[in-house]
Amino acid sequence: MYTIIFIIVFLLGTIIGSFLNVVIYRFNTSRSVVVGRSICMTCSHKLNWYEMIPVLSFIFQKGKCRSCSTTISHQYPLVEFITGIVFAVIAFHFLPILYISVNTFVFLLSFYVFIFSILIVIAVYDLRHKIIPDRLVYTFAFFALVSTFINTTGIGDLFVVPNIWSLSTGIVLALPFALIWLLSRGRLMGLGDAKLILGIGWLFGYSQGIAVLVLSFWIGAVFSLIVLLFTKMKISMKTEIPFAPFLILAMIIVLYTGINIFKLSALISF
C-alpha cells in the first residue's frame, strides 16, 4: 500500500516538476506561466502531449527536439525527477500521520509540496541567474510563517496558536546573515539568502533550522572542493556561488532524516 502511495506521489511530482520548469523559464518575462502552450525555444514548434511526458519524453527523444533536433536542456528532466523525489520524501516524512488521519495527511502533504515547489523554483532560478526573486522568497517566507500555526504531529487540533519562541525563530536565524550582507555590502552573502533563512527558521524551528544551516555550509564546502579538484575553475572571494541550492538541499535532507543540531553535535564529537 505504502509503495503505491510513494509511486503516485512521485509521478505527481514529476508532473508538477514539468510545470515548475515553465515557471522557471517564464518567470520575470512577459509570458504567462499558465497561459500559452509550451514550445521549442529554438524553432517555436508547439509541443504535443507526447512530447511533454515528464522524464520519459526526454529519454525517448534522446534529448533533442523532434522538429529541429536542437539539444534540449537537461534541466527539464532533472527538475521533473528531483521534484518527484522531493514529493516522495515529504510523503515519507508525514507517513506516520496516515495511521492517525487520512485528511490530515493529505492536508500536510499538499501544504508542504506547495512550499517545496516554490523552493525548487528558487533553487534552479538562483543557479541560472544568481539571484533569488523577492516574489518567490517572500511567498515562501509567508507560508513558512503560516506553518507555525499548523500542528504537524497529527495529534490534537490541526491549527494551533504558536508561542513567541516559534515566531522568533525565523528572525533570530536570519538576522546574523542579514548583518553579514550589510557589513560586507553583499560581497559575502546576498540579502535573498537571509530572506530564505527567515522562512527556514519558521518552517523548521531552532534545532532543525540550525541543522539546515550547518549542513548547507558542509554541502557548499564539499561542492567547492570538488570544483577545485576536478575543474579548472578558480574560486575566490569574488566568485559568485549560489547559496540557495545548498540551503534547499539541506532542508530536504533534514526533512528526510529528522536530524537536528543536537544529533549533528553528537556526530561531530564522535
Protein backbone atom coordinates (compact mmCIF):
# COMPACT_ATOMS: atom_id res chain seq x y z
CA MET A 1 0.00 0.00 0.00
CA TYR A 2 2.73 2.47 1.00
CA THR A 3 4.72 1.66 -2.12
CA ILE A 4 1.70 2.61 -4.22
CA ILE A 5 1.38 5.90 -2.31
CA PHE A 6 5.05 6.75 -2.94
CA ILE A 7 4.75 5.88 -6.64
CA ILE A 8 1.63 8.03 -7.04
CA VAL A 9 3.21 10.95 -5.17
CA PHE A 10 6.44 10.60 -7.20
CA LEU A 11 4.54 10.62 -10.51
CA LEU A 12 2.52 13.62 -9.37
CA GLY A 13 5.81 15.31 -8.50
CA THR A 14 7.23 14.75 -11.98
CA ILE A 15 4.10 16.31 -13.49
CA ILE A 16 4.34 19.31 -11.15
CA GLY A 17 8.06 19.46 -11.94
CA SER A 18 7.21 19.89 -15.61
CA PHE A 19 5.09 22.90 -14.68
CA LEU A 20 7.87 24.25 -12.45
CA ASN A 21 10.17 24.23 -15.48
CA VAL A 22 7.68 26.52 -17.21
CA VAL A 23 7.64 28.82 -14.18
CA ILE A 24 11.45 28.92 -14.07
CA TYR A 25 11.80 29.83 -17.74
CA ARG A 26 8.91 32.30 -17.89
CA PHE A 27 9.31 33.99 -14.50
CA ASN A 28 10.09 37.72 -14.81
CA THR A 29 9.36 37.62 -18.54
CA SER A 30 6.35 38.92 -20.43
CA ARG A 31 4.99 35.38 -20.90
CA SER A 32 2.31 33.99 -18.60
CA VAL A 33 3.17 30.84 -16.63
CA VAL A 34 -0.38 29.49 -17.03
CA VAL A 35 -1.41 30.65 -20.50
CA GLY A 36 0.15 29.53 -23.75
CA ARG A 37 1.39 26.16 -24.95
CA SER A 38 4.97 25.06 -24.42
CA ILE A 39 7.21 25.49 -27.45
CA CYS A 40 10.74 24.70 -28.56
CA MET A 41 12.82 27.76 -27.70
CA THR A 42 14.78 27.37 -30.97
CA CYS A 43 12.24 26.62 -33.72
CA SER A 44 9.00 27.64 -31.88
CA HIS A 45 7.50 24.20 -32.54
CA LYS A 46 4.41 23.75 -30.33
CA LEU A 47 4.90 20.63 -28.26
CA ASN A 48 2.37 17.81 -28.45
CA TRP A 49 1.22 15.97 -25.34
CA TYR A 50 3.53 13.03 -26.02
CA GLU A 51 6.49 15.42 -26.16
CA MET A 52 5.75 16.64 -22.63
CA ILE A 53 5.61 13.37 -20.69
CA PRO A 54 7.84 14.04 -17.67
CA VAL A 55 11.34 12.49 -17.93
CA LEU A 56 10.25 9.85 -20.47
CA SER A 57 9.81 12.26 -23.40
CA PHE A 58 13.38 13.48 -22.92
CA ILE A 59 14.67 9.90 -22.93
CA PHE A 60 12.64 8.72 -25.93
CA GLN A 61 13.59 11.82 -27.94
CA LYS A 62 17.26 11.34 -26.96
CA GLY A 63 17.34 14.82 -25.51
CA LYS A 64 16.53 16.55 -28.80
CA CYS A 65 13.59 18.47 -30.28
CA ARG A 66 11.59 16.28 -32.68
CA SER A 67 11.20 19.21 -35.06
CA CYS A 68 14.66 20.82 -35.30
CA SER A 69 16.88 18.32 -33.45
CA THR A 70 18.17 21.03 -31.13
CA THR A 71 19.55 19.64 -27.87
CA ILE A 72 17.07 20.02 -25.02
CA SER A 73 18.40 21.31 -21.71
CA HIS A 74 18.98 18.60 -19.09
CA GLN A 75 17.27 20.94 -16.66
CA TYR A 76 13.86 19.68 -17.83
CA PRO A 77 14.16 16.01 -16.84
CA LEU A 78 16.31 16.80 -13.79
CA VAL A 79 13.76 19.21 -12.31
CA GLU A 80 10.94 16.76 -13.06
CA PHE A 81 12.78 13.82 -11.47
CA ILE A 82 14.02 15.81 -8.45
CA THR A 83 10.54 17.20 -7.82
CA GLY A 84 9.18 13.66 -7.83
CA ILE A 85 11.84 12.59 -5.31
CA VAL A 86 11.16 15.60 -3.07
CA PHE A 87 7.42 14.90 -3.09
CA ALA A 88 8.10 11.28 -2.14
CA VAL A 89 10.36 12.44 0.71
CA ILE A 90 7.58 14.67 2.03
CA ALA A 91 5.12 11.76 1.86
CA PHE A 92 7.63 9.60 3.77
CA HIS A 93 8.05 12.32 6.41
CA PHE A 94 4.32 12.52 7.12
CA LEU A 95 3.56 8.81 6.63
CA PRO A 96 3.05 8.12 10.38
CA ILE A 97 0.17 10.63 10.35
CA LEU A 98 -1.62 8.45 7.81
CA TYR A 99 -2.29 6.00 10.68
CA ILE A 100 -3.99 8.80 12.62
CA SER A 101 -5.93 10.76 10.00
CA VAL A 102 -6.03 10.48 6.22
CA ASN A 103 -7.41 14.02 5.90
CA THR A 104 -4.58 15.48 7.99
CA PHE A 105 -2.01 13.53 5.96
CA VAL A 106 -3.44 14.83 2.68
CA PHE A 107 -3.55 18.40 4.01
CA LEU A 108 0.04 18.37 5.29
CA LEU A 109 1.29 16.67 2.13
CA SER A 110 -0.44 19.27 -0.05
CA PHE A 111 0.80 22.18 2.07
CA TYR A 112 4.42 21.04 2.10
CA VAL A 113 4.62 20.06 -1.57
CA PHE A 114 3.39 23.57 -2.38
CA ILE A 115 6.12 25.09 -0.20
CA PHE A 116 8.85 22.86 -1.62
CA SER A 117 7.66 23.55 -5.17
CA ILE A 118 8.42 27.22 -4.52
CA LEU A 119 11.80 26.23 -3.09
CA ILE A 120 12.70 24.15 -6.17
CA VAL A 121 11.94 27.13 -8.40
CA ILE A 122 14.08 29.35 -6.15
CA ALA A 123 16.99 26.88 -6.25
CA VAL A 124 17.04 26.50 -10.03
CA TYR A 125 16.42 30.21 -10.64
CA ASP A 126 19.33 31.06 -8.33
CA LEU A 127 21.54 28.59 -10.21
CA ARG A 128 20.60 30.11 -13.56
CA HIS A 129 20.58 33.82 -12.67
CA LYS A 130 22.42 34.03 -9.32
CA ILE A 131 19.52 35.89 -7.75
CA ILE A 132 16.56 34.96 -5.55
CA PRO A 133 13.43 36.82 -6.73
CA ASP A 134 11.64 38.70 -3.94
CA ARG A 135 8.20 37.49 -5.00
CA LEU A 136 9.26 33.87 -4.61
CA VAL A 137 11.19 34.19 -1.36
CA TYR A 138 8.50 36.36 0.28
CA THR A 139 5.84 33.83 -0.74
CA PHE A 140 7.92 31.06 0.80
CA ALA A 141 8.52 33.07 3.98
CA PHE A 142 4.79 33.82 4.32
CA PHE A 143 3.74 30.17 4.08
CA ALA A 144 6.62 29.18 6.36
CA LEU A 145 5.18 31.61 8.92
CA VAL A 146 1.74 30.06 8.37
CA SER A 147 3.30 26.66 9.14
CA THR A 148 3.93 27.79 12.73
CA PHE A 149 0.13 27.82 13.17
CA ILE A 150 -0.16 24.19 11.97
CA ASN A 151 0.16 21.14 14.19
CA THR A 152 2.29 18.69 12.19
CA THR A 153 2.16 15.87 14.75
CA GLY A 154 -1.30 14.72 13.68
CA ILE A 155 -2.36 14.57 17.34
CA GLY A 156 -4.93 17.08 18.57
CA ASP A 157 -6.19 20.12 16.69
CA LEU A 158 -4.75 20.79 13.23
CA PHE A 159 -4.34 24.51 13.88
CA VAL A 160 -2.62 25.92 16.96
CA VAL A 161 -1.51 29.28 18.33
CA PRO A 162 2.30 29.45 18.15
CA ASN A 163 4.34 30.75 21.07
CA ILE A 164 6.85 33.59 20.95
CA TRP A 165 9.68 31.05 20.73
CA SER A 166 8.32 29.65 17.46
CA LEU A 167 7.55 33.06 15.97
CA SER A 168 11.02 34.38 16.79
CA THR A 169 12.91 31.53 15.11
CA GLY A 170 12.94 32.94 11.59
CA ILE A 171 14.07 36.41 12.67
CA VAL A 172 16.77 35.11 15.04
CA LEU A 173 18.28 32.75 12.43
CA ALA A 174 18.10 35.27 9.58
CA LEU A 175 19.47 38.28 11.48
CA PRO A 176 23.18 37.22 11.51
CA PHE A 177 23.10 36.59 7.76
CA ALA A 178 21.37 39.90 7.12
CA LEU A 179 24.17 41.57 9.10
CA ILE A 180 26.80 39.70 7.03
CA TRP A 181 25.12 41.06 3.89
CA LEU A 182 25.01 44.56 5.33
CA LEU A 183 28.57 44.69 6.66
CA SER A 184 30.11 43.06 3.59
CA ARG A 185 27.93 45.16 1.26
CA GLY A 186 26.70 41.99 -0.40
CA ARG A 187 30.15 40.59 -1.19
CA LEU A 188 29.95 37.58 1.18
CA MET A 189 26.22 36.83 1.02
CA GLY A 190 23.15 38.07 -0.79
CA LEU A 191 20.18 39.53 1.06
CA GLY A 192 17.99 36.96 -0.70
CA ASP A 193 19.77 34.19 1.25
CA ALA A 194 18.93 35.93 4.54
CA LYS A 195 15.28 36.17 3.44
CA LEU A 196 15.32 32.47 2.60
CA ILE A 197 16.76 31.64 6.04
CA LEU A 198 13.93 33.67 7.58
CA GLY A 199 11.46 31.14 6.15
CA ILE A 200 13.69 28.19 7.05
CA GLY A 201 13.61 29.23 10.71
CA TRP A 202 9.82 29.38 10.76
CA LEU A 203 9.41 26.12 8.86
CA PHE A 204 11.92 24.03 10.83
CA GLY A 205 12.30 25.70 14.22
CA TYR A 206 15.55 26.27 16.10
CA SER A 207 17.11 22.81 16.40
CA GLN A 208 16.38 21.64 12.86
CA GLY A 209 16.76 25.14 11.39
CA ILE A 210 20.32 25.38 12.68
CA ALA A 211 20.95 21.85 11.38
CA VAL A 212 19.86 23.05 7.93
CA LEU A 213 22.33 25.94 8.10
CA VAL A 214 25.22 23.74 9.26
CA LEU A 215 24.51 21.10 6.61
CA SER A 216 24.24 23.74 3.87
CA PHE A 217 27.73 25.05 4.69
CA TRP A 218 29.11 21.50 4.71
CA ILE A 219 27.50 20.80 1.33
CA GLY A 220 28.83 24.08 -0.03
CA ALA A 221 32.34 23.28 1.21
CA VAL A 222 32.28 19.81 -0.40
CA PHE A 223 30.97 21.30 -3.66
CA SER A 224 33.73 23.94 -3.68
CA LEU A 225 36.37 21.27 -3.00
CA ILE A 226 35.09 19.12 -5.88
CA VAL A 227 35.15 22.14 -8.20
CA LEU A 228 38.71 22.96 -7.20
CA LEU A 229 39.92 19.36 -7.62
CA PHE A 230 38.18 18.36 -10.82
CA THR A 231 37.72 21.57 -12.82
CA LYS A 232 39.86 24.49 -13.89
CA MET A 233 37.52 26.95 -12.21
CA LYS A 234 39.20 29.12 -9.58
CA ILE A 235 37.15 30.02 -6.52
CA SER A 236 37.90 33.28 -4.73
CA MET A 237 36.07 35.80 -2.53
CA LYS A 238 34.76 37.40 -5.73
CA THR A 239 33.34 34.15 -7.13
CA GLU A 240 29.54 34.15 -7.14
CA ILE A 241 28.29 30.77 -5.91
CA PRO A 242 24.51 30.49 -5.44
CA PHE A 243 23.85 29.51 -1.83
CA ALA A 244 20.11 28.84 -2.12
CA PRO A 245 20.54 25.35 -3.70
CA PHE A 246 22.74 24.28 -0.77
CA LEU A 247 20.19 25.56 1.74
CA ILE A 248 17.30 23.83 -0.01
CA LEU A 249 19.19 20.55 -0.41
CA ALA A 250 19.97 20.68 3.32
CA MET A 251 16.26 21.26 4.03
CA ILE A 252 15.34 18.12 2.09
CA ILE A 253 17.98 16.09 3.96
CA VAL A 254 16.76 17.35 7.35
CA LEU A 255 13.13 16.66 6.39
CA TYR A 256 14.02 13.10 5.35
CA THR A 257 16.33 12.23 8.25
CA GLY A 258 14.73 14.29 11.02
CA ILE A 259 18.23 15.26 12.13
CA ASN A 260 18.66 18.30 14.39
CA ILE A 261 21.57 20.34 15.74
CA PHE A 262 21.91 18.09 18.79
CA LYS A 263 22.32 14.98 16.62
CA LEU A 264 24.80 16.87 14.44
CA SER A 265 26.78 17.81 17.55
CA ALA A 266 26.90 14.15 18.54
CA LEU A 267 28.23 13.23 15.10
CA ILE A 268 30.97 15.86 15.33
CA SER A 269 32.02 14.79 18.83
CA PHE A 270 32.15 11.17 17.68
